[in-house]
């Protein structure tokens, strides 16, 4: 495989009696050398939205992640992390959500994406987005 995409899935592997390590090992196995693993919508442990969901007992995520945990999981399986960033979540803040409603969906997405990079708004970012690569496994002569 040239690439594998995980969108809101990795945090749910425990529901199928699997660990993240096992899932990532299988992804690593099926990727060809220099293949990419794209992962987004991986919920952050300290995301404001997750905090609110736990208070209201509406969270569907039993597993949340820190940047350090994500990096450790990927590196343990042999991946090289090419990018890791926080994104989305600004739209969940009521006042900002109503302001963004004035724009078309594409502009809303772009504004949410870029605003979520700026402190203090970055504290509200809900997810990690990750690009990891399987190294070239060929031996050099």
C-alpha atoms as a PDB file:
ATOM      1  CA  UNK A   1       0.000   0.000   0.000  1.00  0.00           C
ATOM      2  CA  UNK A   2       1.162   3.483  -0.781  1.00  0.00           C
ATOM      3  CA  UNK A   3      -0.930   5.075   1.977  1.00  0.00           C
ATOM      4  CA  UNK A   4      -3.323   4.329   4.812  1.00  0.00           C
ATOM      5  CA  UNK A   5      -5.849   6.830   6.134  1.00  0.00           C
ATOM      6  CA  UNK A   6      -7.320   6.830   9.626  1.00  0.00           C
ATOM      7  CA  UNK A   7     -10.033   9.394  10.255  1.00  0.00           C
ATOM      8  CA  UNK A   8     -11.532   9.159  13.712  1.00  0.00           C
ATOM      9  CA  UNK A   9     -10.714   5.445  13.999  1.00  0.00           C
ATOM     10  CA  UNK A  10      -7.510   4.810  15.944  1.00  0.00           C
ATOM     11  CA  UNK A  11      -8.988   5.888  19.271  1.00  0.00           C
ATOM     12  CA  UNK A  12     -11.727   3.235  18.868  1.00  0.00           C
ATOM     13  CA  UNK A  13      -9.572   0.132  18.256  1.00  0.00           C
ATOM     14  CA  UNK A  14     -10.004  -0.889  21.910  1.00  0.00           C
ATOM     15  CA  UNK A  15     -13.682  -1.510  21.161  1.00  0.00           C
ATOM     16  CA  UNK A  16     -12.507  -4.438  18.999  1.00  0.00           C
ATOM     17  CA  UNK A  17     -10.094  -5.870  21.575  1.00  0.00           C
ATOM     18  CA  UNK A  18      -7.051  -4.348  19.898  1.00  0.00           C
ATOM     19  CA  UNK A  19      -4.452  -1.885  21.102  1.00  0.00           C
ATOM     20  CA  UNK A  20      -3.132   1.123  19.231  1.00  0.00           C
ATOM     21  CA  UNK A  21       0.232  -0.667  19.081  1.00  0.00           C
ATOM     22  CA  UNK A  22      -1.337  -3.664  17.323  1.00  0.00           C
ATOM     23  CA  UNK A  23      -3.262  -1.474  14.887  1.00  0.00           C
ATOM     24  CA  UNK A  24      -0.191   0.610  14.056  1.00  0.00           C
ATOM     25  CA  UNK A  25       1.949  -2.540  13.672  1.00  0.00           C
ATOM     26  CA  UNK A  26      -0.525  -3.844  11.080  1.00  0.00           C
ATOM     27  CA  UNK A  27      -0.597  -0.504   9.266  1.00  0.00           C
ATOM     28  CA  UNK A  28       3.203  -0.475   9.260  1.00  0.00           C
ATOM     29  CA  UNK A  29       3.282  -4.068   7.953  1.00  0.00           C
ATOM     30  CA  UNK A  30       1.011  -3.421   4.966  1.00  0.00           C
ATOM     31  CA  UNK A  31       2.660  -0.140   3.948  1.00  0.00           C
ATOM     32  CA  UNK A  32       5.354  -0.362   1.354  1.00  0.00           C
ATOM     33  CA  UNK A  33       8.693   1.278   2.145  1.00  0.00           C
ATOM     34  CA  UNK A  34       8.304   5.071   2.137  1.00  0.00           C
ATOM     35  CA  UNK A  35       4.497   4.676   2.327  1.00  0.00           C
ATOM     36  CA  UNK A  36       2.461   7.187   4.300  1.00  0.00           C
ATOM     37  CA  UNK A  37       0.081   6.928   7.211  1.00  0.00           C
ATOM     38  CA  UNK A  38      -2.352   9.837   7.410  1.00  0.00           C
ATOM     39  CA  UNK A  39      -4.250  10.157  10.671  1.00  0.00           C
ATOM     40  CA  UNK A  40      -6.666  12.905  11.547  1.00  0.00           C
ATOM     41  CA  UNK A  41      -9.476  13.423  14.012  1.00  0.00           C
ATOM     42  CA  UNK A  42      -7.418  11.798  16.772  1.00  0.00           C
ATOM     43  CA  UNK A  43      -8.879  13.397  19.932  1.00  0.00           C
ATOM     44  CA  UNK A  44      -6.589  15.403  22.203  1.00  0.00           C
ATOM     45  CA  UNK A  45      -6.545  14.604  25.901  1.00  0.00           C
ATOM     46  CA  UNK A  46      -6.679  18.260  26.923  1.00  0.00           C
ATOM     47  CA  UNK A  47      -9.153  19.466  24.305  1.00  0.00           C
ATOM     48  CA  UNK A  48     -11.778  21.842  25.623  1.00  0.00           C
ATOM     49  CA  UNK A  49     -14.531  19.954  23.755  1.00  0.00           C
ATOM     50  CA  UNK A  50     -13.514  16.669  25.385  1.00  0.00           C
ATOM     51  CA  UNK A  51     -13.483  18.325  28.796  1.00  0.00           C
ATOM     52  CA  UNK A  52     -17.031  19.609  28.248  1.00  0.00           C
ATOM     53  CA  UNK A  53     -18.183  16.224  26.938  1.00  0.00           C
ATOM     54  CA  UNK A  54     -16.847  14.473  30.047  1.00  0.00           C
ATOM     55  CA  UNK A  55     -18.619  16.976  32.312  1.00  0.00           C
ATOM     56  CA  UNK A  56     -21.910  16.437  30.446  1.00  0.00           C
ATOM     57  CA  UNK A  57     -21.262  12.672  30.166  1.00  0.00           C
ATOM     58  CA  UNK A  58     -21.615  12.787  26.371  1.00  0.00           C
ATOM     59  CA  UNK A  59     -18.091  11.795  25.370  1.00  0.00           C
ATOM     60  CA  UNK A  60     -17.749   8.841  23.013  1.00  0.00           C
ATOM     61  CA  UNK A  61     -13.958   8.733  23.449  1.00  0.00           C
ATOM     62  CA  UNK A  62     -12.554   6.454  26.110  1.00  0.00           C
ATOM     63  CA  UNK A  63      -9.041   7.058  24.777  1.00  0.00           C
ATOM     64  CA  UNK A  64      -7.601  10.533  24.389  1.00  0.00           C
ATOM     65  CA  UNK A  65      -4.017  11.420  23.507  1.00  0.00           C
ATOM     66  CA  UNK A  66      -1.240  13.830  24.249  1.00  0.00           C
ATOM     67  CA  UNK A  67       1.275  14.803  21.611  1.00  0.00           C
ATOM     68  CA  UNK A  68       3.964  12.908  23.528  1.00  0.00           C
ATOM     69  CA  UNK A  69       1.857   9.716  23.552  1.00  0.00           C
ATOM     70  CA  UNK A  70       1.130   9.920  19.819  1.00  0.00           C
ATOM     71  CA  UNK A  71       4.784  10.442  18.957  1.00  0.00           C
ATOM     72  CA  UNK A  72       5.843   7.541  21.204  1.00  0.00           C
ATOM     73  CA  UNK A  73       3.263   5.166  19.672  1.00  0.00           C
ATOM     74  CA  UNK A  74       4.306   5.971  16.118  1.00  0.00           C
ATOM     75  CA  UNK A  75       8.044   5.878  16.757  1.00  0.00           C
ATOM     76  CA  UNK A  76       7.740   2.574  18.633  1.00  0.00           C
ATOM     77  CA  UNK A  77       6.336   0.991  15.472  1.00  0.00           C
ATOM     78  CA  UNK A  78       9.131   2.450  13.352  1.00  0.00           C
ATOM     79  CA  UNK A  79       7.321   5.364  11.737  1.00  0.00           C
ATOM     80  CA  UNK A  80       9.023   8.667  11.025  1.00  0.00           C
ATOM     81  CA  UNK A  81       6.663  11.482  11.953  1.00  0.00           C
ATOM     82  CA  UNK A  82       6.642  14.072   9.186  1.00  0.00           C
ATOM     83  CA  UNK A  83       3.942  16.320  10.644  1.00  0.00           C
ATOM     84  CA  UNK A  84       1.845  16.540  13.785  1.00  0.00           C
ATOM     85  CA  UNK A  85      -0.461  19.428  14.501  1.00  0.00           C
ATOM     86  CA  UNK A  86      -3.616  20.395  16.336  1.00  0.00           C
ATOM     87  CA  UNK A  87      -6.696  21.396  14.444  1.00  0.00           C
ATOM     88  CA  UNK A  88     -10.393  22.140  14.624  1.00  0.00           C
ATOM     89  CA  UNK A  89     -12.499  22.955  17.577  1.00  0.00           C
ATOM     90  CA  UNK A  90     -12.779  26.707  17.292  1.00  0.00           C
ATOM     91  CA  UNK A  91     -16.156  26.202  15.629  1.00  0.00           C
ATOM     92  CA  UNK A  92     -17.369  24.585  18.850  1.00  0.00           C
ATOM     93  CA  UNK A  93     -16.990  27.851  20.786  1.00  0.00           C
ATOM     94  CA  UNK A  94     -20.454  29.411  20.651  1.00  0.00           C
ATOM     95  CA  UNK A  95     -19.540  33.047  19.983  1.00  0.00           C
ATOM     96  CA  UNK A  96     -17.030  32.216  17.263  1.00  0.00           C
ATOM     97  CA  UNK A  97     -19.316  29.606  15.706  1.00  0.00           C
ATOM     98  CA  UNK A  98     -22.029  32.227  15.209  1.00  0.00           C
ATOM     99  CA  UNK A  99     -19.529  34.615  13.596  1.00  0.00           C
ATOM    100  CA  UNK A 100     -18.203  31.923  11.256  1.00  0.00           C
ATOM    101  CA  UNK A 101     -21.769  31.079  10.194  1.00  0.00           C
ATOM    102  CA  UNK A 102     -21.623  34.267   8.123  1.00  0.00           C
ATOM    103  CA  UNK A 103     -19.166  32.541   5.749  1.00  0.00           C
ATOM    104  CA  UNK A 104     -19.507  29.695   3.260  1.00  0.00           C
ATOM    105  CA  UNK A 105     -18.437  26.195   4.473  1.00  0.00           C
ATOM    106  CA  UNK A 106     -15.035  26.253   2.746  1.00  0.00           C
ATOM    107  CA  UNK A 107     -14.151  29.597   4.319  1.00  0.00           C
ATOM    108  CA  UNK A 108     -15.422  28.350   7.693  1.00  0.00           C
ATOM    109  CA  UNK A 109     -13.109  25.339   7.442  1.00  0.00           C
ATOM    110  CA  UNK A 110     -10.094  27.479   6.528  1.00  0.00           C
ATOM    111  CA  UNK A 111     -10.787  30.022   9.264  1.00  0.00           C
ATOM    112  CA  UNK A 112     -11.267  27.254  11.840  1.00  0.00           C
ATOM    113  CA  UNK A 113      -8.057  25.585  10.690  1.00  0.00           C
ATOM    114  CA  UNK A 114      -5.909  28.709  10.889  1.00  0.00           C
ATOM    115  CA  UNK A 115      -7.500  30.203  13.994  1.00  0.00           C
ATOM    116  CA  UNK A 116      -6.965  26.894  15.812  1.00  0.00           C
ATOM    117  CA  UNK A 117      -3.202  27.392  15.426  1.00  0.00           C
ATOM    118  CA  UNK A 118      -3.153  30.689  17.345  1.00  0.00           C
ATOM    119  CA  UNK A 119      -2.960  30.792  21.164  1.00  0.00           C
ATOM    120  CA  UNK A 120      -5.227  30.996  23.115  1.00  0.00           C
ATOM    121  CA  UNK A 121      -7.540  29.477  20.475  1.00  0.00           C
ATOM    122  CA  UNK A 122      -5.128  26.563  20.018  1.00  0.00           C
ATOM    123  CA  UNK A 123      -6.039  25.452  23.542  1.00  0.00           C
ATOM    124  CA  UNK A 124      -9.518  24.648  22.209  1.00  0.00           C
ATOM    125  CA  UNK A 125      -8.234  22.537  19.327  1.00  0.00           C
ATOM    126  CA  UNK A 126      -9.921  19.198  19.410  1.00  0.00           C
ATOM    127  CA  UNK A 127      -7.870  16.867  17.233  1.00  0.00           C
ATOM    128  CA  UNK A 128      -4.413  15.888  16.124  1.00  0.00           C
ATOM    129  CA  UNK A 129      -3.540  15.590  12.468  1.00  0.00           C
ATOM    130  CA  UNK A 130      -0.546  13.369  11.758  1.00  0.00           C
ATOM    131  CA  UNK A 131       1.488  12.403   8.730  1.00  0.00           C
ATOM    132  CA  UNK A 132       3.886   9.540   9.370  1.00  0.00           C
ATOM    133  CA  UNK A 133       6.047   7.617   6.945  1.00  0.00           C
ATOM    134  CA  UNK A 134       7.437   4.121   6.880  1.00  0.00           C
ATOM    135  CA  UNK A 135      11.161   4.476   6.217  1.00  0.00           C
ATOM    136  CA  UNK A 136      12.829   2.986   3.196  1.00  0.00           C
ATOM    137  CA  UNK A 137      13.682  -0.493   4.453  1.00  0.00           C
ATOM    138  CA  UNK A 138      16.127  -1.364   1.685  1.00  0.00           C
ATOM    139  CA  UNK A 139      19.642  -2.022   2.849  1.00  0.00           C
ATOM    140  CA  UNK A 140      22.274   0.214   1.330  1.00  0.00           C
ATOM    141  CA  UNK A 141      25.194  -1.510  -0.350  1.00  0.00           C
END
